[in-house]
Amino acid sequence: MGINFDEIKKKAQSALEESAPKIEHGIDKAGGFAKSKFGQHAAKIDNVATKAKGLLHKTTGKDENGK
């Protein structure tokens, strides 16, 4: 009776895929808030947000447009 890591991975990936739009919205919202506080670093904030979305899409197996 061991732990089935493949099953856990599939469930986690499924939950991530279902939540991806909400996560992406959260990334955008957090980026907007950070830019309102640290506007002089807007380019860096945008870069981090873009990388976070890219990682999200890579993890869910979708392209950068979420398809």
C-alpha atoms as a PDB file:
ATOM      1  CA  MET A   1       0.000   0.000   0.000  1.00  0.00           C
ATOM      2  CA  GLY A   2       2.203   2.788  -1.291  1.00  0.00           C
ATOM      3  CA  ILE A   3       1.530   6.295  -2.398  1.00  0.00           C
ATOM      4  CA  ASN A   4       0.552   6.600  -6.049  1.00  0.00           C
ATOM      5  CA  PHE A   5       2.440   9.723  -7.066  1.00  0.00           C
ATOM      6  CA  ASP A   6       1.252   9.524 -10.670  1.00  0.00           C
ATOM      7  CA  GLU A   7      -2.354   9.781  -9.517  1.00  0.00           C
ATOM      8  CA  ILE A   8      -1.518  12.714  -7.239  1.00  0.00           C
ATOM      9  CA  LYS A   9       0.288  14.432 -10.109  1.00  0.00           C
ATOM     10  CA  LYS A  10      -2.685  13.948 -12.445  1.00  0.00           C
ATOM     11  CA  LYS A  11      -5.112  15.352  -9.864  1.00  0.00           C
ATOM     12  CA  ALA A  12      -2.874  18.346  -9.196  1.00  0.00           C
ATOM     13  CA  GLN A  13      -2.460  19.057 -12.899  1.00  0.00           C
ATOM     14  CA  SER A  14      -6.207  18.741 -13.448  1.00  0.00           C
ATOM     15  CA  ALA A  15      -6.900  21.204 -10.621  1.00  0.00           C
ATOM     16  CA  LEU A  16      -4.304  23.586 -12.061  1.00  0.00           C
ATOM     17  CA  GLU A  17      -5.866  23.388 -15.526  1.00  0.00           C
ATOM     18  CA  GLU A  18      -9.310  24.131 -14.118  1.00  0.00           C
ATOM     19  CA  SER A  19      -8.006  27.083 -12.111  1.00  0.00           C
ATOM     20  CA  ALA A  20      -5.645  28.496 -14.758  1.00  0.00           C
ATOM     21  CA  PRO A  21      -7.912  31.404 -15.790  1.00  0.00           C
ATOM     22  CA  LYS A  22      -8.344  32.473 -12.162  1.00  0.00           C
ATOM     23  CA  ILE A  23      -4.616  32.158 -11.516  1.00  0.00           C
ATOM     24  CA  GLU A  24      -3.828  34.228 -14.598  1.00  0.00           C
ATOM     25  CA  HIS A  25      -6.331  36.874 -13.483  1.00  0.00           C
ATOM     26  CA  GLY A  26      -4.629  36.903 -10.074  1.00  0.00           C
ATOM     27  CA  ILE A  27      -1.228  37.394 -11.682  1.00  0.00           C
ATOM     28  CA  ASP A  28      -2.596  40.361 -13.646  1.00  0.00           C
ATOM     29  CA  LYS A  29      -4.230  41.828 -10.565  1.00  0.00           C
ATOM     30  CA  ALA A  30      -1.082  41.423  -8.464  1.00  0.00           C
ATOM     31  CA  GLY A  31       0.997  42.999 -11.231  1.00  0.00           C
ATOM     32  CA  GLY A  32      -1.356  45.957 -11.425  1.00  0.00           C
ATOM     33  CA  PHE A  33      -1.201  46.449  -7.673  1.00  0.00           C
ATOM     34  CA  ALA A  34       2.602  46.205  -7.661  1.00  0.00           C
ATOM     35  CA  LYS A  35       2.820  48.764 -10.475  1.00  0.00           C
ATOM     36  CA  SER A  36       0.545  51.137  -8.539  1.00  0.00           C
ATOM     37  CA  LYS A  37       2.990  50.994  -5.607  1.00  0.00           C
ATOM     38  CA  PHE A  38       6.265  50.690  -7.500  1.00  0.00           C
ATOM     39  CA  GLY A  39       5.527  52.312 -10.864  1.00  0.00           C
ATOM     40  CA  GLN A  40       9.174  53.057 -11.531  1.00  0.00           C
ATOM     41  CA  HIS A  41       9.691  49.285 -11.861  1.00  0.00           C
ATOM     42  CA  ALA A  42       6.730  48.681 -14.201  1.00  0.00           C
ATOM     43  CA  ALA A  43       8.838  46.988 -16.886  1.00  0.00           C
ATOM     44  CA  LYS A  44      10.322  44.515 -14.398  1.00  0.00           C
ATOM     45  CA  ILE A  45       6.891  43.797 -12.917  1.00  0.00           C
ATOM     46  CA  ASP A  46       5.466  43.142 -16.383  1.00  0.00           C
ATOM     47  CA  ASN A  47       8.402  40.850 -17.148  1.00  0.00           C
ATOM     48  CA  VAL A  48       7.826  38.800 -13.998  1.00  0.00           C
ATOM     49  CA  ALA A  49       4.078  38.573 -14.696  1.00  0.00           C
ATOM     50  CA  THR A  50       4.772  37.387 -18.241  1.00  0.00           C
ATOM     51  CA  LYS A  51       7.189  34.737 -16.986  1.00  0.00           C
ATOM     52  CA  ALA A  52       4.704  33.558 -14.353  1.00  0.00           C
ATOM     53  CA  LYS A  53       1.979  33.215 -16.991  1.00  0.00           C
ATOM     54  CA  GLY A  54       4.416  31.374 -19.255  1.00  0.00           C
ATOM     55  CA  LEU A  55       5.208  28.916 -16.498  1.00  0.00           C
ATOM     56  CA  LEU A  56       1.498  28.451 -15.838  1.00  0.00           C
ATOM     57  CA  HIS A  57       0.821  27.709 -19.507  1.00  0.00           C
ATOM     58  CA  LYS A  58       3.836  25.410 -19.747  1.00  0.00           C
ATOM     59  CA  THR A  59       2.655  23.484 -16.684  1.00  0.00           C
ATOM     60  CA  THR A  60      -0.885  23.125 -18.006  1.00  0.00           C
ATOM     61  CA  GLY A  61       0.374  22.168 -21.475  1.00  0.00           C
ATOM     62  CA  LYS A  62      -1.156  25.170 -23.211  1.00  0.00           C
ATOM     63  CA  ASP A  63       0.386  27.862 -25.371  1.00  0.00           C
ATOM     64  CA  GLU A  64       0.893  31.463 -24.233  1.00  0.00           C
ATOM     65  CA  ASN A  65      -2.655  32.355 -25.276  1.00  0.00           C
ATOM     66  CA  GLY A  66      -4.117  29.671 -23.003  1.00  0.00           C
ATOM     67  CA  LYS A  67      -5.149  27.367 -25.872  1.00  0.00           C
END
